[in-house]
Amino acid sequence: MRKENQTWMSEFILLGLSSCWETQVSLFVLFLVMYLVTLLGNFIILLLIRLDSRLNTPMYFFLSVLSFVDICYTNSTVPQMLVHFLSAWKSIPFYSCVLQLSISLALGGSEFFLLGAMAYDRYVAVCHPLRYTVIMHGGLCLGLAAGCLGAGFVNSLMETIITFRLPLCHNVINHFACEVLAVLRLSCVDISFNMVMVAISGFLVIMLPCVLVLFSYGHIVAAILRIRSTQGRHKAFGACASHLTVVSMCFGTVIFTYVRPAAGSSAEQEKMVSLFYAVVTPMLNPFIYSLRNKEVMSASRRVLGKFNEKK
């Protein structure tokens, strides 16, 4: 190993999404609107679940945790990206980069584990409706949520340590944020071990929840097909439609990025996929769970009715 080529990095330069000033201004406006919509939508979901007692069920408990994770995840990357759109010098201090990478990894991983837990919740609701409240009791829900968050942070700690222990030869990151694959490209040494660890991490964080989702929905589909009435089938499917939409969207985009790190995808492709997951998905989640969910829409009408009565 050649020590003379290694340099201590006090800061990193982020190339972002574009070097054209007009494009950056347009992107600033677009992503500012998306950021505000994300915050507003997820805060409304949290508020409805808090104010309406009919939403005090395991399904909406997990949804509230998911909304909280989405808010935190968006805040870990988007505010800095917005500032950089209007800045000539797009830099981030070394330790801020480490913190951003670790937080985004932790929250991103936690979200996948949460989607797996939510799939199990839907499995119990459809396949064991009479025992649903007994099985999905408060202690289990809290334990599952804590386990999802804990697993995400443990995975993040491991990835962050092995990434930033590498000697770095330059400090220009071809990304809009500090992201694992983009930071690994700065290394002076062979990163084969790190790429293997990224693949293992991707399997544990993405594929294991995905297997749980497939297992749960396999049983759910079988249970729905055994229901004789058309109305009963529609009701059972409606209880899972929103979650299934979010699962398809989240797992599809991230599997493309992280499970196949050696597949030769370009840095620009990785930026677009990361952008979709970091900005678009958290914005769409509240709409998917509200517009396609009669209980949430009914709760919003009840809460608005209460406020109108007070006026």
C-alpha atoms as a PDB file:
ATOM      1  CA  MET A   1       0.000   0.000   0.000  1.00  0.00           C
ATOM      2  CA  ARG A   2       1.408   3.372  -1.008  1.00  0.00           C
ATOM      3  CA  LYS A   3       1.045   5.708   1.939  1.00  0.00           C
ATOM      4  CA  GLU A   4       2.207   8.792   0.013  1.00  0.00           C
ATOM      5  CA  ASN A   5      -0.983   8.859  -2.075  1.00  0.00           C
ATOM      6  CA  GLN A   6      -3.286   8.938   0.950  1.00  0.00           C
ATOM      7  CA  THR A   7      -4.667  12.282   2.103  1.00  0.00           C
ATOM      8  CA  TRP A   8      -6.682  13.320   5.127  1.00  0.00           C
ATOM      9  CA  MET A   9      -9.942  14.822   3.869  1.00  0.00           C
ATOM     10  CA  SER A  10     -11.307  17.722   5.880  1.00  0.00           C
ATOM     11  CA  GLU A  11     -14.218  18.093   3.475  1.00  0.00           C
ATOM     12  CA  PHE A  12     -15.775  16.595   0.366  1.00  0.00           C
ATOM     13  CA  ILE A  13     -17.035  18.269  -2.807  1.00  0.00           C
ATOM     14  CA  LEU A  14     -20.412  17.051  -4.084  1.00  0.00           C
ATOM     15  CA  LEU A  15     -20.925  17.328  -7.843  1.00  0.00           C
ATOM     16  CA  GLY A  16     -24.698  17.168  -7.425  1.00  0.00           C
ATOM     17  CA  LEU A  17     -27.174  16.673 -10.256  1.00  0.00           C
ATOM     18  CA  SER A  18     -26.119  19.387 -12.701  1.00  0.00           C
ATOM     19  CA  SER A  19     -23.465  22.059 -13.278  1.00  0.00           C
ATOM     20  CA  CYS A  20     -25.810  24.330 -15.259  1.00  0.00           C
ATOM     21  CA  TRP A  21     -27.048  27.284 -13.177  1.00  0.00           C
ATOM     22  CA  GLU A  22     -30.463  27.501 -14.882  1.00  0.00           C
ATOM     23  CA  THR A  23     -31.030  23.790 -14.385  1.00  0.00           C
ATOM     24  CA  GLN A  24     -30.008  24.029 -10.730  1.00  0.00           C
ATOM     25  CA  VAL A  25     -32.500  26.849 -10.100  1.00  0.00           C
ATOM     26  CA  SER A  26     -35.272  24.812 -11.726  1.00  0.00           C
ATOM     27  CA  LEU A  27     -34.309  21.762  -9.678  1.00  0.00           C
ATOM     28  CA  PHE A  28     -34.277  23.882  -6.528  1.00  0.00           C
ATOM     29  CA  VAL A  29     -37.873  24.970  -7.091  1.00  0.00           C
ATOM     30  CA  LEU A  30     -38.997  21.441  -8.005  1.00  0.00           C
ATOM     31  CA  PHE A  31     -37.372  19.722  -5.031  1.00  0.00           C
ATOM     32  CA  LEU A  32     -38.364  22.471  -2.605  1.00  0.00           C
ATOM     33  CA  VAL A  33     -42.011  21.862  -3.521  1.00  0.00           C
ATOM     34  CA  MET A  34     -41.542  18.083  -3.224  1.00  0.00           C
ATOM     35  CA  TYR A  35     -39.789  18.504   0.137  1.00  0.00           C
ATOM     36  CA  LEU A  36     -42.590  20.641   1.560  1.00  0.00           C
ATOM     37  CA  VAL A  37     -45.233  18.229   0.241  1.00  0.00           C
ATOM     38  CA  THR A  38     -43.339  15.329   1.847  1.00  0.00           C
ATOM     39  CA  LEU A  39     -43.213  17.034   5.235  1.00  0.00           C
ATOM     40  CA  LEU A  40     -46.838  18.150   5.065  1.00  0.00           C
ATOM     41  CA  GLY A  41     -48.169  14.780   3.921  1.00  0.00           C
ATOM     42  CA  ASN A  42     -46.321  12.757   6.540  1.00  0.00           C
ATOM     43  CA  PHE A  43     -47.143  15.217   9.337  1.00  0.00           C
ATOM     44  CA  ILE A  44     -50.834  14.982   8.386  1.00  0.00           C
ATOM     45  CA  ILE A  45     -50.666  11.179   8.604  1.00  0.00           C
ATOM     46  CA  LEU A  46     -49.050  11.417  12.057  1.00  0.00           C
ATOM     47  CA  LEU A  47     -51.614  13.982  13.162  1.00  0.00           C
ATOM     48  CA  LEU A  48     -54.610  11.938  11.985  1.00  0.00           C
ATOM     49  CA  ILE A  49     -53.359   8.793  13.719  1.00  0.00           C
ATOM     50  CA  ARG A  50     -52.786  10.803  16.889  1.00  0.00           C
ATOM     51  CA  LEU A  51     -56.179  12.566  16.897  1.00  0.00           C
ATOM     52  CA  ASP A  52     -58.507   9.806  15.672  1.00  0.00           C
ATOM     53  CA  SER A  53     -58.956   6.931  18.114  1.00  0.00           C
ATOM     54  CA  ARG A  54     -60.272   4.645  15.360  1.00  0.00           C
ATOM     55  CA  LEU A  55     -56.799   4.623  13.844  1.00  0.00           C
ATOM     56  CA  ASN A  56     -55.208   3.312  17.056  1.00  0.00           C
ATOM     57  CA  THR A  57     -54.545  -0.102  15.530  1.00  0.00           C
ATOM     58  CA  PRO A  58     -51.292  -1.991  14.800  1.00  0.00           C
ATOM     59  CA  MET A  59     -51.504  -1.164  11.086  1.00  0.00           C
ATOM     60  CA  TYR A  60     -51.590   2.581  11.730  1.00  0.00           C
ATOM     61  CA  PHE A  61     -49.003   2.346  14.475  1.00  0.00           C
ATOM     62  CA  PHE A  62     -46.551   0.958  11.909  1.00  0.00           C
ATOM     63  CA  LEU A  63     -47.689   3.578   9.401  1.00  0.00           C
ATOM     64  CA  SER A  64     -46.936   6.336  11.926  1.00  0.00           C
ATOM     65  CA  VAL A  65     -43.432   4.924  12.466  1.00  0.00           C
ATOM     66  CA  LEU A  66     -42.961   4.753   8.693  1.00  0.00           C
ATOM     67  CA  SER A  67     -44.032   8.395   8.318  1.00  0.00           C
ATOM     68  CA  PHE A  68     -41.625   9.427  11.080  1.00  0.00           C
ATOM     69  CA  VAL A  69     -38.774   7.548   9.376  1.00  0.00           C
ATOM     70  CA  ASP A  70     -39.636   9.176   6.033  1.00  0.00           C
ATOM     71  CA  ILE A  71     -39.551  12.650   7.594  1.00  0.00           C
ATOM     72  CA  CYS A  72     -36.154  12.003   9.202  1.00  0.00           C
ATOM     73  CA  TYR A  73     -34.730  10.381   6.072  1.00  0.00           C
ATOM     74  CA  THR A  74     -35.797  13.272   3.852  1.00  0.00           C
ATOM     75  CA  ASN A  75     -34.289  15.772   6.289  1.00  0.00           C
ATOM     76  CA  SER A  76     -30.966  13.917   6.221  1.00  0.00           C
ATOM     77  CA  THR A  77     -30.340  14.731   2.547  1.00  0.00           C
ATOM     78  CA  VAL A  78     -32.801  17.163   0.940  1.00  0.00           C
ATOM     79  CA  PRO A  79     -32.078  20.413   2.916  1.00  0.00           C
ATOM     80  CA  GLN A  80     -28.382  20.167   2.069  1.00  0.00           C
ATOM     81  CA  MET A  81     -29.213  19.391  -1.573  1.00  0.00           C
ATOM     82  CA  LEU A  82     -31.442  22.480  -1.752  1.00  0.00           C
ATOM     83  CA  VAL A  83     -28.676  24.688  -0.348  1.00  0.00           C
ATOM     84  CA  HIS A  84     -26.164  23.275  -2.842  1.00  0.00           C
ATOM     85  CA  PHE A  85     -28.460  24.034  -5.782  1.00  0.00           C
ATOM     86  CA  LEU A  86     -27.940  27.745  -5.048  1.00  0.00           C
ATOM     87  CA  SER A  87     -24.282  27.491  -3.974  1.00  0.00           C
ATOM     88  CA  ALA A  88     -21.175  27.837  -6.128  1.00  0.00           C
ATOM     89  CA  TRP A  89     -19.080  25.761  -3.672  1.00  0.00           C
ATOM     90  CA  LYS A  90     -20.850  22.480  -2.910  1.00  0.00           C
ATOM     91  CA  SER A  91     -18.826  21.165   0.018  1.00  0.00           C
ATOM     92  CA  ILE A  92     -19.616  19.076   3.076  1.00  0.00           C
ATOM     93  CA  PRO A  93     -17.289  18.619   6.101  1.00  0.00           C
ATOM     94  CA  PHE A  94     -15.819  15.162   6.604  1.00  0.00           C
ATOM     95  CA  TYR A  95     -17.692  14.373   9.803  1.00  0.00           C
ATOM     96  CA  SER A  96     -20.946  15.762   8.385  1.00  0.00           C
ATOM     97  CA  CYS A  97     -20.497  13.382   5.456  1.00  0.00           C
ATOM     98  CA  VAL A  98     -19.960  10.461   7.838  1.00  0.00           C
ATOM     99  CA  LEU A  99     -23.052  11.452   9.814  1.00  0.00           C
ATOM    100  CA  GLN A 100     -25.192  11.881   6.705  1.00  0.00           C
ATOM    101  CA  LEU A 101     -24.153   8.515   5.284  1.00  0.00           C
ATOM    102  CA  SER A 102     -24.754   6.694   8.566  1.00  0.00           C
ATOM    103  CA  ILE A 103     -28.166   8.301   9.206  1.00  0.00           C
ATOM    104  CA  SER A 104     -29.429   7.764   5.679  1.00  0.00           C
ATOM    105  CA  LEU A 105     -28.274   4.137   5.727  1.00  0.00           C
ATOM    106  CA  ALA A 106     -29.870   3.552   9.134  1.00  0.00           C
ATOM    107  CA  LEU A 107     -33.219   5.087   8.227  1.00  0.00           C
ATOM    108  CA  GLY A 108     -33.263   3.506   4.780  1.00  0.00           C
ATOM    109  CA  GLY A 109     -32.581   0.073   6.263  1.00  0.00           C
ATOM    110  CA  SER A 110     -35.155   0.609   9.005  1.00  0.00           C
ATOM    111  CA  GLU A 111     -37.785   1.411   6.397  1.00  0.00           C
ATOM    112  CA  PHE A 112     -37.320  -1.924   4.656  1.00  0.00           C
ATOM    113  CA  PHE A 113     -37.567  -3.837   7.909  1.00  0.00           C
ATOM    114  CA  LEU A 114     -40.710  -1.829   8.739  1.00  0.00           C
ATOM    115  CA  LEU A 115     -42.266  -2.790   5.416  1.00  0.00           C
ATOM    116  CA  GLY A 116     -41.568  -6.421   6.291  1.00  0.00           C
ATOM    117  CA  ALA A 117     -43.202  -5.978   9.711  1.00  0.00           C
ATOM    118  CA  MET A 118     -46.193  -4.304   8.079  1.00  0.00           C
ATOM    119  CA  ALA A 119     -46.510  -7.252   5.689  1.00  0.00           C
ATOM    120  CA  TYR A 120     -46.639  -9.598   8.692  1.00  0.00           C
ATOM    121  CA  ASP A 121     -49.323  -7.372  10.223  1.00  0.00           C
ATOM    122  CA  ARG A 122     -51.410  -7.646   7.033  1.00  0.00           C
ATOM    123  CA  TYR A 123     -50.869 -11.427   7.010  1.00  0.00           C
ATOM    124  CA  VAL A 124     -52.258 -11.745  10.540  1.00  0.00           C
ATOM    125  CA  ALA A 125     -55.171  -9.389   9.746  1.00  0.00           C
ATOM    126  CA  VAL A 126     -56.268 -11.356   6.666  1.00  0.00           C
ATOM    127  CA  CYS A 127     -55.348 -14.923   7.605  1.00  0.00           C
ATOM    128  CA  HIS A 128     -56.165 -14.786  11.350  1.00  0.00           C
ATOM    129  CA  PRO A 129     -58.771 -12.013  11.712  1.00  0.00           C
ATOM    130  CA  LEU A 130     -60.352 -13.404  14.892  1.00  0.00           C
ATOM    131  CA  ARG A 131     -56.992 -13.545  16.682  1.00  0.00           C
ATOM    132  CA  TYR A 132     -55.610 -10.319  15.197  1.00  0.00           C
ATOM    133  CA  THR A 133     -55.798  -8.171  18.330  1.00  0.00           C
ATOM    134  CA  VAL A 134     -54.433 -11.009  20.466  1.00  0.00           C
ATOM    135  CA  ILE A 135     -51.439 -11.697  18.216  1.00  0.00           C
ATOM    136  CA  MET A 136     -50.630  -8.092  17.305  1.00  0.00           C
ATOM    137  CA  HIS A 137     -50.709  -6.748  20.845  1.00  0.00           C
ATOM    138  CA  GLY A 138     -49.017  -3.521  21.889  1.00  0.00           C
ATOM    139  CA  GLY A 139     -45.884  -5.182  23.224  1.00  0.00           C
ATOM    140  CA  LEU A 140     -45.267  -7.070  19.978  1.00  0.00           C
ATOM    141  CA  CYS A 141     -45.823  -3.954  17.867  1.00  0.00           C
ATOM    142  CA  LEU A 142     -43.381  -1.924  19.964  1.00  0.00           C
ATOM    143  CA  GLY A 143     -40.858  -4.758  19.870  1.00  0.00           C
ATOM    144  CA  LEU A 144     -41.110  -5.102  16.091  1.00  0.00           C
ATOM    145  CA  ALA A 145     -40.744  -1.347  15.564  1.00  0.00           C
ATOM    146  CA  ALA A 146     -37.753  -1.150  17.918  1.00  0.00           C
ATOM    147  CA  GLY A 147     -36.194  -4.200  16.257  1.00  0.00           C
ATOM    148  CA  CYS A 148     -36.607  -2.647  12.792  1.00  0.00           C
ATOM    149  CA  LEU A 149     -34.948   0.593  13.893  1.00  0.00           C
ATOM    150  CA  GLY A 150     -32.212  -1.251  15.775  1.00  0.00           C
ATOM    151  CA  ALA A 151     -31.408  -3.513  12.813  1.00  0.00           C
ATOM    152  CA  GLY A 152     -31.182  -0.504  10.514  1.00  0.00           C
ATOM    153  CA  PHE A 153     -28.772   1.323  12.813  1.00  0.00           C
ATOM    154  CA  VAL A 154     -26.575  -1.752  13.379  1.00  0.00           C
ATOM    155  CA  ASN A 155     -26.248  -2.279   9.635  1.00  0.00           C
ATOM    156  CA  SER A 156     -25.480   1.406   9.168  1.00  0.00           C
ATOM    157  CA  LEU A 157     -22.755   1.351  11.819  1.00  0.00           C
ATOM    158  CA  MET A 158     -21.032  -1.590  10.145  1.00  0.00           C
ATOM    159  CA  GLU A 159     -21.223  -0.052   6.656  1.00  0.00           C
ATOM    160  CA  THR A 160     -20.040   3.363   7.834  1.00  0.00           C
ATOM    161  CA  ILE A 161     -17.026   1.987   9.696  1.00  0.00           C
ATOM    162  CA  ILE A 162     -15.736  -0.198   6.857  1.00  0.00           C
ATOM    163  CA  THR A 163     -16.343   2.582   4.301  1.00  0.00           C
ATOM    164  CA  PHE A 164     -14.479   5.397   6.058  1.00  0.00           C
ATOM    165  CA  ARG A 165     -11.588   3.199   7.203  1.00  0.00           C
ATOM    166  CA  LEU A 166     -10.434   3.118   3.588  1.00  0.00           C
ATOM    167  CA  PRO A 167      -7.620   5.476   2.505  1.00  0.00           C
ATOM    168  CA  LEU A 168      -9.053   8.131   0.173  1.00  0.00           C
ATOM    169  CA  CYS A 169      -7.136   9.640  -2.743  1.00  0.00           C
ATOM    170  CA  HIS A 170      -9.439  12.527  -3.635  1.00  0.00           C
ATOM    171  CA  ASN A 171     -12.476  14.297  -2.242  1.00  0.00           C
ATOM    172  CA  VAL A 172     -14.819  14.868  -5.186  1.00  0.00           C
ATOM    173  CA  ILE A 173     -17.990  12.784  -4.786  1.00  0.00           C
ATOM    174  CA  ASN A 174     -20.037  12.297  -7.937  1.00  0.00           C
ATOM    175  CA  HIS A 175     -23.367  12.384  -6.119  1.00  0.00           C
ATOM    176  CA  PHE A 176     -25.791  14.811  -4.500  1.00  0.00           C
ATOM    177  CA  ALA A 177     -25.140  13.303  -1.038  1.00  0.00           C
ATOM    178  CA  CYS A 178     -22.668  11.093   0.802  1.00  0.00           C
ATOM    179  CA  GLU A 179     -23.645   7.633  -0.412  1.00  0.00           C
ATOM    180  CA  VAL A 180     -21.756   4.359   0.067  1.00  0.00           C
ATOM    181  CA  LEU A 181     -20.956   3.466  -3.539  1.00  0.00           C
ATOM    182  CA  ALA A 182     -20.023   7.050  -4.396  1.00  0.00           C
ATOM    183  CA  VAL A 183     -17.644   7.308  -1.398  1.00  0.00           C
ATOM    184  CA  LEU A 184     -16.063   3.925  -2.171  1.00  0.00           C
ATOM    185  CA  ARG A 185     -14.993   5.254  -5.570  1.00  0.00           C
ATOM    186  CA  LEU A 186     -12.697   7.721  -3.800  1.00  0.00           C
ATOM    187  CA  SER A 187     -10.534   4.941  -2.349  1.00  0.00           C
ATOM    188  CA  CYS A 188      -6.853   4.459  -3.222  1.00  0.00           C
ATOM    189  CA  VAL A 189      -6.989   0.695  -2.665  1.00  0.00           C
ATOM    190  CA  ASP A 190      -8.897  -2.311  -3.916  1.00  0.00           C
ATOM    191  CA  ILE A 191     -12.510  -2.199  -2.705  1.00  0.00           C
ATOM    192  CA  SER A 192     -13.516  -5.784  -3.537  1.00  0.00           C
ATOM    193  CA  PHE A 193     -14.073  -6.608   0.140  1.00  0.00           C
ATOM    194  CA  ASN A 194     -16.269  -3.531   0.557  1.00  0.00           C
ATOM    195  CA  MET A 195     -18.321  -4.426  -2.507  1.00  0.00           C
ATOM    196  CA  VAL A 196     -18.886  -7.896  -1.067  1.00  0.00           C
ATOM    197  CA  MET A 197     -19.999  -6.305   2.205  1.00  0.00           C
ATOM    198  CA  VAL A 198     -22.364  -3.995   0.307  1.00  0.00           C
ATOM    199  CA  ALA A 199     -23.871  -7.049  -1.379  1.00  0.00           C
ATOM    200  CA  ILE A 200     -24.218  -8.884   1.962  1.00  0.00           C
ATOM    201  CA  SER A 201     -25.735  -5.791   3.556  1.00  0.00           C
ATOM    202  CA  GLY A 202     -28.133  -5.466   0.650  1.00  0.00           C
ATOM    203  CA  PHE A 203     -29.191  -9.083   1.051  1.00  0.00           C
ATOM    204  CA  LEU A 204     -29.798  -8.740   4.783  1.00  0.00           C
ATOM    205  CA  VAL A 205     -31.533  -5.354   4.687  1.00  0.00           C
ATOM    206  CA  ILE A 206     -33.463  -5.727   1.440  1.00  0.00           C
ATOM    207  CA  MET A 207     -33.856  -9.380   0.519  1.00  0.00           C
ATOM    208  CA  LEU A 208     -34.769 -10.713   3.982  1.00  0.00           C
ATOM    209  CA  PRO A 209     -37.707  -8.273   4.393  1.00  0.00           C
ATOM    210  CA  CYS A 210     -38.575  -8.972   0.753  1.00  0.00           C
ATOM    211  CA  VAL A 211     -38.760 -12.707   1.493  1.00  0.00           C
ATOM    212  CA  LEU A 212     -41.010 -11.966   4.491  1.00  0.00           C
ATOM    213  CA  VAL A 213     -43.225  -9.813   2.251  1.00  0.00           C
ATOM    214  CA  LEU A 214     -43.454 -12.561  -0.389  1.00  0.00           C
ATOM    215  CA  PHE A 215     -44.195 -15.182   2.284  1.00  0.00           C
ATOM    216  CA  SER A 216     -46.898 -13.002   3.849  1.00  0.00           C
ATOM    217  CA  TYR A 217     -48.574 -12.097   0.581  1.00  0.00           C
ATOM    218  CA  GLY A 218     -48.404 -15.671  -0.655  1.00  0.00           C
ATOM    219  CA  HIS A 219     -50.547 -16.683   2.314  1.00  0.00           C
ATOM    220  CA  ILE A 220     -52.726 -13.578   1.925  1.00  0.00           C
ATOM    221  CA  VAL A 221     -53.492 -14.360  -1.729  1.00  0.00           C
ATOM    222  CA  ALA A 222     -54.302 -17.953  -0.829  1.00  0.00           C
ATOM    223  CA  ALA A 223     -56.632 -16.765   1.949  1.00  0.00           C
ATOM    224  CA  ILE A 224     -58.354 -14.244  -0.363  1.00  0.00           C
ATOM    225  CA  LEU A 225     -58.959 -16.901  -3.015  1.00  0.00           C
ATOM    226  CA  ARG A 226     -60.729 -19.029  -0.398  1.00  0.00           C
ATOM    227  CA  ILE A 227     -63.216 -16.225   0.307  1.00  0.00           C
ATOM    228  CA  ARG A 228     -66.430 -16.979  -1.578  1.00  0.00           C
ATOM    229  CA  SER A 229     -68.071 -13.552  -1.675  1.00  0.00           C
ATOM    230  CA  THR A 230     -66.809 -10.917  -4.103  1.00  0.00           C
ATOM    231  CA  GLN A 231     -67.345  -8.212  -1.489  1.00  0.00           C
ATOM    232  CA  GLY A 232     -65.235 -10.123   1.022  1.00  0.00           C
ATOM    233  CA  ARG A 233     -62.418 -10.504  -1.493  1.00  0.00           C
ATOM    234  CA  HIS A 234     -62.459  -6.792  -2.314  1.00  0.00           C
ATOM    235  CA  LYS A 235     -62.406  -5.906   1.382  1.00  0.00           C
ATOM    236  CA  ALA A 236     -59.473  -8.238   2.101  1.00  0.00           C
ATOM    237  CA  PHE A 237     -57.522  -6.991  -0.903  1.00  0.00           C
ATOM    238  CA  GLY A 238     -58.288  -3.361  -0.026  1.00  0.00           C
ATOM    239  CA  ALA A 239     -56.684  -3.873   3.391  1.00  0.00           C
ATOM    240  CA  CYS A 240     -53.387  -4.704   1.662  1.00  0.00           C
ATOM    241  CA  ALA A 241     -53.446  -2.631  -1.531  1.00  0.00           C
ATOM    242  CA  SER A 242     -51.723   0.470  -0.144  1.00  0.00           C
ATOM    243  CA  HIS A 243     -48.942  -1.479   1.548  1.00  0.00           C
ATOM    244  CA  LEU A 244     -48.407  -3.643  -1.536  1.00  0.00           C
ATOM    245  CA  THR A 245     -48.059  -0.520  -3.717  1.00  0.00           C
ATOM    246  CA  VAL A 246     -45.429   1.006  -1.409  1.00  0.00           C
ATOM    247  CA  VAL A 247     -43.560  -2.303  -1.154  1.00  0.00           C
ATOM    248  CA  SER A 248     -43.387  -2.677  -4.943  1.00  0.00           C
ATOM    249  CA  MET A 249     -42.132   0.880  -5.348  1.00  0.00           C
ATOM    250  CA  CYS A 250     -39.500   0.777  -2.586  1.00  0.00           C
ATOM    251  CA  PHE A 251     -38.058  -2.682  -3.109  1.00  0.00           C
ATOM    252  CA  GLY A 252     -37.915  -2.343  -6.884  1.00  0.00           C
ATOM    253  CA  THR A 253     -35.821   0.831  -6.940  1.00  0.00           C
ATOM    254  CA  VAL A 254     -33.394  -0.062  -4.165  1.00  0.00           C
ATOM    255  CA  ILE A 255     -32.746  -3.628  -5.322  1.00  0.00           C
ATOM    256  CA  PHE A 256     -31.555  -2.098  -8.601  1.00  0.00           C
ATOM    257  CA  THR A 257     -29.059   0.090  -6.739  1.00  0.00           C
ATOM    258  CA  TYR A 258     -27.683  -2.008  -3.874  1.00  0.00           C
ATOM    259  CA  VAL A 259     -28.168  -5.707  -4.504  1.00  0.00           C
ATOM    260  CA  ARG A 260     -26.218  -5.557  -7.759  1.00  0.00           C
ATOM    261  CA  PRO A 261     -23.334  -3.161  -7.022  1.00  0.00           C
ATOM    262  CA  ALA A 262     -21.036  -4.928  -9.446  1.00  0.00           C
ATOM    263  CA  ALA A 263     -23.521  -4.905 -12.303  1.00  0.00           C
ATOM    264  CA  GLY A 264     -21.838  -1.908 -13.911  1.00  0.00           C
ATOM    265  CA  SER A 265     -24.523   0.704 -13.384  1.00  0.00           C
ATOM    266  CA  SER A 266     -23.218   4.213 -13.961  1.00  0.00           C
ATOM    267  CA  ALA A 267     -22.915   6.905 -11.299  1.00  0.00           C
ATOM    268  CA  GLU A 268     -25.665   8.875 -13.057  1.00  0.00           C
ATOM    269  CA  GLN A 269     -28.047   5.902 -12.877  1.00  0.00           C
ATOM    270  CA  GLU A 270     -27.279   5.467  -9.185  1.00  0.00           C
ATOM    271  CA  LYS A 271     -27.996   9.163  -8.571  1.00  0.00           C
ATOM    272  CA  MET A 272     -31.367   8.938 -10.294  1.00  0.00           C
ATOM    273  CA  VAL A 273     -32.398   5.818  -8.386  1.00  0.00           C
ATOM    274  CA  SER A 274     -31.180   7.266  -5.071  1.00  0.00           C
ATOM    275  CA  LEU A 275     -33.046  10.479  -5.837  1.00  0.00           C
ATOM    276  CA  PHE A 276     -36.249   8.578  -6.525  1.00  0.00           C
ATOM    277  CA  TYR A 277     -35.950   6.729  -3.232  1.00  0.00           C
ATOM    278  CA  ALA A 278     -34.789   9.675  -1.110  1.00  0.00           C
ATOM    279  CA  VAL A 279     -37.235  12.273  -2.441  1.00  0.00           C
ATOM    280  CA  VAL A 280     -40.063  10.757  -4.481  1.00  0.00           C
ATOM    281  CA  THR A 281     -40.948   7.713  -2.381  1.00  0.00           C
ATOM    282  CA  PRO A 282     -41.331   9.573   0.973  1.00  0.00           C
ATOM    283  CA  MET A 283     -43.519  12.114  -0.839  1.00  0.00           C
ATOM    284  CA  LEU A 284     -45.780   9.467  -2.400  1.00  0.00           C
ATOM    285  CA  ASN A 285     -46.236   7.272   0.694  1.00  0.00           C
ATOM    286  CA  PRO A 286     -48.795   9.552   2.436  1.00  0.00           C
ATOM    287  CA  PHE A 287     -50.817   9.885  -0.777  1.00  0.00           C
ATOM    288  CA  ILE A 288     -50.845   6.138  -1.362  1.00  0.00           C
ATOM    289  CA  TYR A 289     -51.942   5.417   2.210  1.00  0.00           C
ATOM    290  CA  SER A 290     -54.576   8.177   2.232  1.00  0.00           C
ATOM    291  CA  LEU A 291     -56.111   8.278  -1.240  1.00  0.00           C
ATOM    292  CA  ARG A 292     -56.370   4.481  -1.417  1.00  0.00           C
ATOM    293  CA  ASN A 293     -57.490   4.036   2.183  1.00  0.00           C
ATOM    294  CA  LYS A 294     -61.095   4.709   3.187  1.00  0.00           C
ATOM    295  CA  GLU A 295     -60.270   4.685   6.915  1.00  0.00           C
ATOM    296  CA  VAL A 296     -57.700   7.472   6.545  1.00  0.00           C
ATOM    297  CA  MET A 297     -60.041   9.532   4.369  1.00  0.00           C
ATOM    298  CA  SER A 298     -62.858   9.048   6.893  1.00  0.00           C
ATOM    299  CA  ALA A 299     -60.538  10.024   9.750  1.00  0.00           C
ATOM    300  CA  SER A 300     -59.532  13.211   7.926  1.00  0.00           C
ATOM    301  CA  ARG A 301     -63.204  14.153   7.500  1.00  0.00           C
ATOM    302  CA  ARG A 302     -63.910  13.479  11.180  1.00  0.00           C
ATOM    303  CA  VAL A 303     -60.928  15.548  12.343  1.00  0.00           C
ATOM    304  CA  LEU A 304     -61.873  18.422  10.021  1.00  0.00           C
ATOM    305  CA  GLY A 305     -65.448  18.190  11.313  1.00  0.00           C
ATOM    306  CA  LYS A 306     -64.257  18.508  14.911  1.00  0.00           C
ATOM    307  CA  PHE A 307     -62.211  21.601  14.072  1.00  0.00           C
ATOM    308  CA  ASN A 308     -65.172  23.177  12.260  1.00  0.00           C
ATOM    309  CA  GLU A 309     -67.420  22.502  15.262  1.00  0.00           C
ATOM    310  CA  LYS A 310     -64.943  24.271  17.577  1.00  0.00           C
ATOM    311  CA  LYS A 311     -64.989  27.320  15.305  1.00  0.00           C
END
